[in-house]
């Protein structure tokens, strides 16, 4: 199936496509098959790029919206560095570039769709970064507004398998029992052998418990039985995680600013000493 779209898939552009986040540590392409569509994601995102994309969607300030160009958003550059947990601006530039290279191709019965996540970006001297999220990608997100309050959980997940499983369970909020094979497929865990696959699935489930998305789980023969929180509890937990994220990012920003101020002080001190030394030599 890799490298070629199957003609049999189905009725209309399916809303469930975005239940598959474009995240991978090593793959150059992700192939996904659902009941209604076949999806290829080229150049999937790293965890850092995924966090930046979530940050743009949740914190970005709308600058301009155009039905053809897309949505231009701006955000404090330090905040993006905080999401990435790095002080290296070169890393940020590479991550933003990866958003322009991450591409969806979708085949369904009535047609096909293809688009990249982002268009142009600019890291400006005014301390803000400007990114154009493409019109097709933003249209894709409109059907997923009801899932946006789950985003704070996604910020704290470390493994692509946990991110994928979280997206699947968010979109299927009423199910409490899932076949192990289905959970493995939706988490996109390679089927090395049953024991190894189950171990990796357990690691993904443990992450969902750690962030407070699941209360617990257990295995029963070929099924995962999920202990889920009521929606009201999840909303409270999402707010708590949002506050935790805001605090962590703000603390990181303050450290960056402090380091920048210290760097400027050292430069002024050195310039002053160099000037004094030059004056002494000239005398």
C-alpha atoms as a PDB file:
ATOM      1  CA  UNK A   1       0.000   0.000   0.000  1.00  0.00           C
ATOM      2  CA  UNK A   2       2.920   2.377   0.574  1.00  0.00           C
ATOM      3  CA  UNK A   3       3.529   4.818  -2.233  1.00  0.00           C
ATOM      4  CA  UNK A   4       0.183   4.286  -3.898  1.00  0.00           C
ATOM      5  CA  UNK A   5      -3.371   5.386  -3.096  1.00  0.00           C
ATOM      6  CA  UNK A   6      -6.069   2.744  -3.145  1.00  0.00           C
ATOM      7  CA  UNK A   7      -9.067   3.748  -5.270  1.00  0.00           C
ATOM      8  CA  UNK A   8     -11.691   2.061  -3.062  1.00  0.00           C
ATOM      9  CA  UNK A   9     -11.828   4.676  -0.297  1.00  0.00           C
ATOM     10  CA  UNK A  10     -14.871   6.224   0.347  1.00  0.00           C
ATOM     11  CA  UNK A  11     -17.614   8.792   0.481  1.00  0.00           C
ATOM     12  CA  UNK A  12     -16.503  12.264   1.511  1.00  0.00           C
ATOM     13  CA  UNK A  13     -13.632  14.143   3.078  1.00  0.00           C
ATOM     14  CA  UNK A  14     -13.654  12.498   6.530  1.00  0.00           C
ATOM     15  CA  UNK A  15     -13.493  14.531   9.684  1.00  0.00           C
ATOM     16  CA  UNK A  16     -11.513  11.803  11.420  1.00  0.00           C
ATOM     17  CA  UNK A  17      -8.326  12.515   9.467  1.00  0.00           C
ATOM     18  CA  UNK A  18      -7.106  15.046  12.008  1.00  0.00           C
ATOM     19  CA  UNK A  19      -7.335  12.376  14.685  1.00  0.00           C
ATOM     20  CA  UNK A  20      -3.943  11.389  13.317  1.00  0.00           C
ATOM     21  CA  UNK A  21      -1.413  14.059  14.355  1.00  0.00           C
ATOM     22  CA  UNK A  22       1.475  14.593  11.909  1.00  0.00           C
ATOM     23  CA  UNK A  23       4.144  13.545  14.428  1.00  0.00           C
ATOM     24  CA  UNK A  24       6.961  11.025  14.092  1.00  0.00           C
ATOM     25  CA  UNK A  25      10.506  10.675  15.376  1.00  0.00           C
ATOM     26  CA  UNK A  26      12.044   8.906  12.386  1.00  0.00           C
ATOM     27  CA  UNK A  27       9.620   8.384   9.495  1.00  0.00           C
ATOM     28  CA  UNK A  28       9.698  10.476   6.330  1.00  0.00           C
ATOM     29  CA  UNK A  29       6.120   9.471   5.479  1.00  0.00           C
ATOM     30  CA  UNK A  30       3.097   8.389   7.500  1.00  0.00           C
ATOM     31  CA  UNK A  31       0.443   6.255   5.794  1.00  0.00           C
ATOM     32  CA  UNK A  32      -2.961   5.982   7.458  1.00  0.00           C
ATOM     33  CA  UNK A  33      -5.979   3.966   6.384  1.00  0.00           C
ATOM     34  CA  UNK A  34      -9.439   4.572   7.829  1.00  0.00           C
ATOM     35  CA  UNK A  35     -12.810   3.194   6.828  1.00  0.00           C
ATOM     36  CA  UNK A  36     -13.425   6.269   4.696  1.00  0.00           C
ATOM     37  CA  UNK A  37     -10.081   7.534   3.495  1.00  0.00           C
ATOM     38  CA  UNK A  38      -6.433   6.960   2.884  1.00  0.00           C
ATOM     39  CA  UNK A  39      -3.988   9.572   4.109  1.00  0.00           C
ATOM     40  CA  UNK A  40      -0.315  10.233   3.486  1.00  0.00           C
ATOM     41  CA  UNK A  41       1.580  12.734   5.648  1.00  0.00           C
ATOM     42  CA  UNK A  42       4.924  13.736   4.192  1.00  0.00           C
ATOM     43  CA  UNK A  43       7.708  15.156   6.376  1.00  0.00           C
ATOM     44  CA  UNK A  44       5.936  14.673   9.721  1.00  0.00           C
ATOM     45  CA  UNK A  45       6.803  16.919  12.640  1.00  0.00           C
ATOM     46  CA  UNK A  46       9.155  16.383  15.559  1.00  0.00           C
ATOM     47  CA  UNK A  47       7.806  16.742  19.094  1.00  0.00           C
ATOM     48  CA  UNK A  48       9.237  20.296  19.249  1.00  0.00           C
ATOM     49  CA  UNK A  49       7.544  21.256  15.976  1.00  0.00           C
ATOM     50  CA  UNK A  50       4.287  19.703  17.188  1.00  0.00           C
ATOM     51  CA  UNK A  51       4.433  21.838  20.362  1.00  0.00           C
ATOM     52  CA  UNK A  52       5.091  24.943  18.260  1.00  0.00           C
ATOM     53  CA  UNK A  53       2.105  24.154  16.023  1.00  0.00           C
ATOM     54  CA  UNK A  54      -0.118  23.678  19.079  1.00  0.00           C
ATOM     55  CA  UNK A  55       1.209  26.953  20.480  1.00  0.00           C
ATOM     56  CA  UNK A  56       0.418  28.843  17.277  1.00  0.00           C
ATOM     57  CA  UNK A  57      -3.109  27.438  17.225  1.00  0.00           C
ATOM     58  CA  UNK A  58      -3.816  28.159  20.853  1.00  0.00           C
ATOM     59  CA  UNK A  59      -1.861  31.361  21.540  1.00  0.00           C
ATOM     60  CA  UNK A  60      -1.378  32.950  18.115  1.00  0.00           C
ATOM     61  CA  UNK A  61      -2.860  36.403  17.602  1.00  0.00           C
ATOM     62  CA  UNK A  62      -4.834  36.711  14.382  1.00  0.00           C
ATOM     63  CA  UNK A  63      -3.225  39.350  12.163  1.00  0.00           C
ATOM     64  CA  UNK A  64      -5.001  38.726   8.880  1.00  0.00           C
ATOM     65  CA  UNK A  65      -7.383  36.123   7.469  1.00  0.00           C
ATOM     66  CA  UNK A  66      -7.650  35.477   3.751  1.00  0.00           C
ATOM     67  CA  UNK A  67      -9.741  32.717   2.139  1.00  0.00           C
ATOM     68  CA  UNK A  68      -6.950  31.982  -0.338  1.00  0.00           C
ATOM     69  CA  UNK A  69      -3.762  32.691   1.590  1.00  0.00           C
ATOM     70  CA  UNK A  70      -4.917  31.427   4.991  1.00  0.00           C
ATOM     71  CA  UNK A  71      -4.539  32.766   8.513  1.00  0.00           C
ATOM     72  CA  UNK A  72      -1.584  34.944   9.453  1.00  0.00           C
ATOM     73  CA  UNK A  73      -0.873  34.733  13.175  1.00  0.00           C
ATOM     74  CA  UNK A  74       1.764  36.328  15.369  1.00  0.00           C
ATOM     75  CA  UNK A  75       3.181  35.205  18.686  1.00  0.00           C
ATOM     76  CA  UNK A  76       5.948  36.302  21.016  1.00  0.00           C
ATOM     77  CA  UNK A  77       9.148  34.641  19.809  1.00  0.00           C
ATOM     78  CA  UNK A  78      10.286  33.892  23.353  1.00  0.00           C
ATOM     79  CA  UNK A  79       7.030  31.972  23.884  1.00  0.00           C
ATOM     80  CA  UNK A  80       7.785  29.701  20.921  1.00  0.00           C
ATOM     81  CA  UNK A  81      11.265  29.083  22.324  1.00  0.00           C
ATOM     82  CA  UNK A  82       9.571  28.250  25.608  1.00  0.00           C
ATOM     83  CA  UNK A  83       7.361  25.652  23.932  1.00  0.00           C
ATOM     84  CA  UNK A  84      10.484  24.118  22.403  1.00  0.00           C
ATOM     85  CA  UNK A  85      12.477  24.460  25.637  1.00  0.00           C
ATOM     86  CA  UNK A  86      15.471  25.842  23.793  1.00  0.00           C
ATOM     87  CA  UNK A  87      17.274  29.169  23.604  1.00  0.00           C
ATOM     88  CA  UNK A  88      18.641  28.491  20.120  1.00  0.00           C
ATOM     89  CA  UNK A  89      16.988  30.705  17.500  1.00  0.00           C
ATOM     90  CA  UNK A  90      18.442  28.550  14.713  1.00  0.00           C
ATOM     91  CA  UNK A  91      16.441  25.607  16.084  1.00  0.00           C
ATOM     92  CA  UNK A  92      13.287  27.733  15.963  1.00  0.00           C
ATOM     93  CA  UNK A  93      13.944  28.642  12.339  1.00  0.00           C
ATOM     94  CA  UNK A  94      14.363  24.950  11.452  1.00  0.00           C
ATOM     95  CA  UNK A  95      11.147  24.038  13.272  1.00  0.00           C
ATOM     96  CA  UNK A  96       9.152  26.737  11.471  1.00  0.00           C
ATOM     97  CA  UNK A  97      10.629  25.569   8.179  1.00  0.00           C
ATOM     98  CA  UNK A  98       9.423  22.038   8.968  1.00  0.00           C
ATOM     99  CA  UNK A  99       5.823  23.355   9.260  1.00  0.00           C
ATOM    100  CA  UNK A 100       6.072  24.547   5.649  1.00  0.00           C
ATOM    101  CA  UNK A 101       7.266  21.087   4.543  1.00  0.00           C
ATOM    102  CA  UNK A 102       4.734  18.949   6.433  1.00  0.00           C
ATOM    103  CA  UNK A 103       2.147  17.961   3.840  1.00  0.00           C
ATOM    104  CA  UNK A 104      -1.180  16.068   3.916  1.00  0.00           C
ATOM    105  CA  UNK A 105      -2.437  14.104   0.914  1.00  0.00           C
ATOM    106  CA  UNK A 106      -5.913  12.603   1.314  1.00  0.00           C
ATOM    107  CA  UNK A 107      -7.816  10.311  -1.044  1.00  0.00           C
ATOM    108  CA  UNK A 108     -11.554   9.758  -0.635  1.00  0.00           C
ATOM    109  CA  UNK A 109     -14.314   8.643  -2.978  1.00  0.00           C
ATOM    110  CA  UNK A 110     -15.368  12.042  -4.272  1.00  0.00           C
ATOM    111  CA  UNK A 111     -11.917  13.435  -4.760  1.00  0.00           C
ATOM    112  CA  UNK A 112      -8.658  14.237  -3.068  1.00  0.00           C
ATOM    113  CA  UNK A 113      -7.043  17.008  -1.071  1.00  0.00           C
ATOM    114  CA  UNK A 114      -3.445  18.055  -0.580  1.00  0.00           C
ATOM    115  CA  UNK A 115      -1.962  20.862   1.477  1.00  0.00           C
ATOM    116  CA  UNK A 116       0.943  21.888   3.670  1.00  0.00           C
ATOM    117  CA  UNK A 117       0.439  23.025   7.261  1.00  0.00           C
ATOM    118  CA  UNK A 118       2.075  26.451   6.955  1.00  0.00           C
ATOM    119  CA  UNK A 119       3.234  28.877   4.299  1.00  0.00           C
ATOM    120  CA  UNK A 120       5.643  31.728   4.913  1.00  0.00           C
ATOM    121  CA  UNK A 121       7.077  32.701   8.296  1.00  0.00           C
ATOM    122  CA  UNK A 122       9.103  35.625   9.631  1.00  0.00           C
ATOM    123  CA  UNK A 123      11.063  36.029  12.860  1.00  0.00           C
ATOM    124  CA  UNK A 124      11.031  39.799  13.310  1.00  0.00           C
ATOM    125  CA  UNK A 125      13.215  42.128  15.375  1.00  0.00           C
ATOM    126  CA  UNK A 126      10.111  43.407  17.190  1.00  0.00           C
ATOM    127  CA  UNK A 127      10.212  40.213  19.265  1.00  0.00           C
ATOM    128  CA  UNK A 128       7.340  38.506  17.467  1.00  0.00           C
ATOM    129  CA  UNK A 129       7.168  35.671  14.968  1.00  0.00           C
ATOM    130  CA  UNK A 130       4.649  35.710  12.128  1.00  0.00           C
ATOM    131  CA  UNK A 131       3.391  32.488  10.526  1.00  0.00           C
ATOM    132  CA  UNK A 132       0.823  31.877   7.780  1.00  0.00           C
ATOM    133  CA  UNK A 133      -1.250  28.754   8.458  1.00  0.00           C
ATOM    134  CA  UNK A 134      -2.624  27.689   5.088  1.00  0.00           C
ATOM    135  CA  UNK A 135      -6.306  28.105   4.259  1.00  0.00           C
ATOM    136  CA  UNK A 136      -6.710  24.371   3.578  1.00  0.00           C
ATOM    137  CA  UNK A 137      -5.187  23.404   6.904  1.00  0.00           C
ATOM    138  CA  UNK A 138      -7.354  25.889   8.812  1.00  0.00           C
ATOM    139  CA  UNK A 139     -10.453  24.637   6.990  1.00  0.00           C
ATOM    140  CA  UNK A 140      -9.418  21.193   8.105  1.00  0.00           C
ATOM    141  CA  UNK A 141      -9.384  22.355  11.727  1.00  0.00           C
ATOM    142  CA  UNK A 142     -12.858  23.881  11.730  1.00  0.00           C
ATOM    143  CA  UNK A 143     -14.526  20.515  12.267  1.00  0.00           C
ATOM    144  CA  UNK A 144     -12.306  19.968  15.275  1.00  0.00           C
ATOM    145  CA  UNK A 145     -13.215  22.970  17.407  1.00  0.00           C
ATOM    146  CA  UNK A 146     -14.865  20.667  19.949  1.00  0.00           C
ATOM    147  CA  UNK A 147     -11.530  18.930  20.560  1.00  0.00           C
ATOM    148  CA  UNK A 148      -9.514  22.055  21.213  1.00  0.00           C
ATOM    149  CA  UNK A 149      -9.935  21.936  24.980  1.00  0.00           C
ATOM    150  CA  UNK A 150      -7.934  18.682  24.915  1.00  0.00           C
ATOM    151  CA  UNK A 151      -4.877  20.510  23.518  1.00  0.00           C
ATOM    152  CA  UNK A 152      -3.292  21.174  26.951  1.00  0.00           C
ATOM    153  CA  UNK A 153      -2.889  17.408  27.412  1.00  0.00           C
ATOM    154  CA  UNK A 154      -1.052  17.140  24.084  1.00  0.00           C
ATOM    155  CA  UNK A 155       1.572  19.679  25.196  1.00  0.00           C
ATOM    156  CA  UNK A 156       2.722  17.342  27.973  1.00  0.00           C
ATOM    157  CA  UNK A 157       2.908  14.093  26.004  1.00  0.00           C
ATOM    158  CA  UNK A 158       6.437  12.988  25.080  1.00  0.00           C
ATOM    159  CA  UNK A 159       6.005  10.079  22.679  1.00  0.00           C
ATOM    160  CA  UNK A 160       4.316  10.101  19.244  1.00  0.00           C
ATOM    161  CA  UNK A 161       2.487   6.898  20.207  1.00  0.00           C
ATOM    162  CA  UNK A 162       0.931   8.665  23.214  1.00  0.00           C
ATOM    163  CA  UNK A 163       0.042  11.722  21.105  1.00  0.00           C
ATOM    164  CA  UNK A 164      -1.631   9.511  18.488  1.00  0.00           C
ATOM    165  CA  UNK A 165      -3.531   7.460  21.066  1.00  0.00           C
ATOM    166  CA  UNK A 166      -4.643  10.627  22.860  1.00  0.00           C
ATOM    167  CA  UNK A 167      -6.005  12.068  19.610  1.00  0.00           C
ATOM    168  CA  UNK A 168      -7.897   8.850  18.855  1.00  0.00           C
ATOM    169  CA  UNK A 169      -9.433   8.613  22.342  1.00  0.00           C
ATOM    170  CA  UNK A 170     -10.290  12.345  22.344  1.00  0.00           C
ATOM    171  CA  UNK A 171     -12.280  11.863  19.162  1.00  0.00           C
ATOM    172  CA  UNK A 172     -13.955   8.749  20.592  1.00  0.00           C
ATOM    173  CA  UNK A 173     -14.777  10.011  24.059  1.00  0.00           C
ATOM    174  CA  UNK A 174     -17.499   7.463  24.860  1.00  0.00           C
ATOM    175  CA  UNK A 175     -15.622   4.216  24.296  1.00  0.00           C
ATOM    176  CA  UNK A 176     -14.300   2.349  27.336  1.00  0.00           C
ATOM    177  CA  UNK A 177     -13.115  -0.832  25.660  1.00  0.00           C
ATOM    178  CA  UNK A 178     -10.713  -1.018  22.712  1.00  0.00           C
ATOM    179  CA  UNK A 179      -9.208  -4.030  21.033  1.00  0.00           C
ATOM    180  CA  UNK A 180      -5.462  -4.141  21.683  1.00  0.00           C
ATOM    181  CA  UNK A 181      -4.853  -4.414  17.952  1.00  0.00           C
ATOM    182  CA  UNK A 182      -7.001  -1.329  17.271  1.00  0.00           C
ATOM    183  CA  UNK A 183      -5.237   0.662  20.008  1.00  0.00           C
ATOM    184  CA  UNK A 184      -1.870  -0.399  18.614  1.00  0.00           C
ATOM    185  CA  UNK A 185      -2.833   0.688  15.104  1.00  0.00           C
ATOM    186  CA  UNK A 186      -4.235   4.031  16.270  1.00  0.00           C
ATOM    187  CA  UNK A 187      -1.136   4.669  18.379  1.00  0.00           C
ATOM    188  CA  UNK A 188       0.862   3.752  15.252  1.00  0.00           C
ATOM    189  CA  UNK A 189       3.017   1.230  17.089  1.00  0.00           C
ATOM    190  CA  UNK A 190       4.856  -1.136  14.758  1.00  0.00           C
ATOM    191  CA  UNK A 191       3.821  -4.759  15.073  1.00  0.00           C
ATOM    192  CA  UNK A 192       7.222  -6.238  15.900  1.00  0.00           C
ATOM    193  CA  UNK A 193       5.721  -9.003  18.010  1.00  0.00           C
ATOM    194  CA  UNK A 194       2.688  -9.160  20.258  1.00  0.00           C
ATOM    195  CA  UNK A 195       4.643  -8.896  23.523  1.00  0.00           C
ATOM    196  CA  UNK A 196       6.755  -5.947  22.344  1.00  0.00           C
ATOM    197  CA  UNK A 197       3.774  -4.120  20.814  1.00  0.00           C
ATOM    198  CA  UNK A 198       1.810  -4.533  24.034  1.00  0.00           C
ATOM    199  CA  UNK A 199       4.765  -3.148  26.013  1.00  0.00           C
ATOM    200  CA  UNK A 200       4.925  -0.013  23.827  1.00  0.00           C
ATOM    201  CA  UNK A 201       1.159   0.377  24.040  1.00  0.00           C
ATOM    202  CA  UNK A 202       1.405   0.189  27.826  1.00  0.00           C
ATOM    203  CA  UNK A 203       4.030   2.965  27.788  1.00  0.00           C
ATOM    204  CA  UNK A 204       1.677   5.182  25.723  1.00  0.00           C
ATOM    205  CA  UNK A 205      -1.240   4.458  28.058  1.00  0.00           C
ATOM    206  CA  UNK A 206       0.932   5.236  31.091  1.00  0.00           C
ATOM    207  CA  UNK A 207       1.637   8.694  29.657  1.00  0.00           C
ATOM    208  CA  UNK A 208      -2.103   9.343  29.313  1.00  0.00           C
ATOM    209  CA  UNK A 209      -2.551   8.375  32.959  1.00  0.00           C
ATOM    210  CA  UNK A 210       0.377  10.584  34.043  1.00  0.00           C
ATOM    211  CA  UNK A 211      -1.093  13.710  32.418  1.00  0.00           C
ATOM    212  CA  UNK A 212      -4.528  12.976  33.900  1.00  0.00           C
ATOM    213  CA  UNK A 213      -6.326  12.128  30.677  1.00  0.00           C
ATOM    214  CA  UNK A 214      -7.079   8.574  31.802  1.00  0.00           C
ATOM    215  CA  UNK A 215      -7.848   7.436  35.324  1.00  0.00           C
ATOM    216  CA  UNK A 216      -6.380   4.015  34.601  1.00  0.00           C
ATOM    217  CA  UNK A 217      -6.588   0.961  32.367  1.00  0.00           C
ATOM    218  CA  UNK A 218      -6.215  -2.800  32.397  1.00  0.00           C
ATOM    219  CA  UNK A 219      -5.756  -5.554  29.845  1.00  0.00           C
ATOM    220  CA  UNK A 220      -8.376  -8.265  29.489  1.00  0.00           C
ATOM    221  CA  UNK A 221      -7.343 -10.904  26.956  1.00  0.00           C
ATOM    222  CA  UNK A 222      -7.332  -9.044  23.589  1.00  0.00           C
ATOM    223  CA  UNK A 223      -8.920  -5.835  24.934  1.00  0.00           C
ATOM    224  CA  UNK A 224      -7.843  -2.664  26.763  1.00  0.00           C
ATOM    225  CA  UNK A 225     -10.416  -1.600  29.347  1.00  0.00           C
ATOM    226  CA  UNK A 226     -10.190   2.167  29.933  1.00  0.00           C
ATOM    227  CA  UNK A 227     -11.037   3.969  33.162  1.00  0.00           C
ATOM    228  CA  UNK A 228     -12.079   7.401  31.929  1.00  0.00           C
ATOM    229  CA  UNK A 229     -12.826  10.621  33.744  1.00  0.00           C
ATOM    230  CA  UNK A 230     -16.115  12.471  33.221  1.00  0.00           C
ATOM    231  CA  UNK A 231     -15.896  15.370  30.768  1.00  0.00           C
ATOM    232  CA  UNK A 232     -16.268  17.882  33.631  1.00  0.00           C
ATOM    233  CA  UNK A 233     -13.173  16.458  35.331  1.00  0.00           C
ATOM    234  CA  UNK A 234     -11.207  16.525  32.070  1.00  0.00           C
ATOM    235  CA  UNK A 235     -12.110  20.180  31.556  1.00  0.00           C
ATOM    236  CA  UNK A 236     -10.810  21.052  35.023  1.00  0.00           C
ATOM    237  CA  UNK A 237      -7.651  19.041  34.409  1.00  0.00           C
ATOM    238  CA  UNK A 238      -7.171  20.778  31.044  1.00  0.00           C
ATOM    239  CA  UNK A 239      -7.388  24.163  32.769  1.00  0.00           C
ATOM    240  CA  UNK A 240      -4.848  23.034  35.390  1.00  0.00           C
ATOM    241  CA  UNK A 241      -2.461  21.867  32.673  1.00  0.00           C
ATOM    242  CA  UNK A 242      -2.966  25.127  30.796  1.00  0.00           C
ATOM    243  CA  UNK A 243      -1.956  27.079  33.888  1.00  0.00           C
ATOM    244  CA  UNK A 244       1.029  24.786  34.431  1.00  0.00           C
ATOM    245  CA  UNK A 245       2.131  25.294  30.834  1.00  0.00           C
ATOM    246  CA  UNK A 246       1.707  29.074  31.082  1.00  0.00           C
ATOM    247  CA  UNK A 247       3.798  29.114  34.249  1.00  0.00           C
ATOM    248  CA  UNK A 248       6.560  26.933  32.791  1.00  0.00           C
ATOM    249  CA  UNK A 249       6.763  28.970  29.588  1.00  0.00           C
ATOM    250  CA  UNK A 250       6.752  32.277  31.487  1.00  0.00           C
ATOM    251  CA  UNK A 251       9.546  31.086  33.781  1.00  0.00           C
ATOM    252  CA  UNK A 252      11.530  29.999  30.727  1.00  0.00           C
ATOM    253  CA  UNK A 253      10.957  33.400  29.071  1.00  0.00           C
ATOM    254  CA  UNK A 254      12.181  35.211  32.185  1.00  0.00           C
ATOM    255  CA  UNK A 255      15.369  33.111  32.185  1.00  0.00           C
ATOM    256  CA  UNK A 256      15.931  33.933  28.509  1.00  0.00           C
ATOM    257  CA  UNK A 257      15.411  37.637  29.124  1.00  0.00           C
ATOM    258  CA  UNK A 258      17.714  37.560  32.134  1.00  0.00           C
ATOM    259  CA  UNK A 259      20.401  35.777  30.112  1.00  0.00           C
ATOM    260  CA  UNK A 260      19.976  38.340  27.307  1.00  0.00           C
ATOM    261  CA  UNK A 261      20.304  41.266  29.748  1.00  0.00           C
ATOM    262  CA  UNK A 262      23.400  39.697  31.293  1.00  0.00           C
ATOM    263  CA  UNK A 263      24.909  39.201  27.836  1.00  0.00           C
ATOM    264  CA  UNK A 264      24.343  42.883  27.016  1.00  0.00           C
ATOM    265  CA  UNK A 265      25.916  43.959  30.329  1.00  0.00           C
ATOM    266  CA  UNK A 266      28.984  41.833  29.636  1.00  0.00           C
ATOM    267  CA  UNK A 267      29.284  43.254  26.136  1.00  0.00           C
ATOM    268  CA  UNK A 268      29.064  46.848  27.435  1.00  0.00           C
ATOM    269  CA  UNK A 269      31.660  46.069  30.092  1.00  0.00           C
ATOM    270  CA  UNK A 270      33.985  44.527  27.528  1.00  0.00           C
ATOM    271  CA  UNK A 271      33.503  47.432  25.095  1.00  0.00           C
ATOM    272  CA  UNK A 272      34.291  49.842  27.918  1.00  0.00           C
ATOM    273  CA  UNK A 273      37.435  47.916  28.886  1.00  0.00           C
ATOM    274  CA  UNK A 274      38.564  47.682  25.268  1.00  0.00           C
ATOM    275  CA  UNK A 275      38.041  51.416  24.879  1.00  0.00           C
ATOM    276  CA  UNK A 276      40.045  52.128  28.029  1.00  0.00           C
ATOM    277  CA  UNK A 277      42.864  49.848  26.875  1.00  0.00           C
ATOM    278  CA  UNK A 278      42.953  51.564  23.486  1.00  0.00           C
ATOM    279  CA  UNK A 279      43.116  54.945  25.204  1.00  0.00           C
ATOM    280  CA  UNK A 280      46.008  53.796  27.430  1.00  0.00           C
ATOM    281  CA  UNK A 281      47.925  52.539  24.390  1.00  0.00           C
ATOM    282  CA  UNK A 282      47.452  55.814  22.522  1.00  0.00           C
ATOM    283  CA  UNK A 283      48.857  57.746  25.481  1.00  0.00           C
END
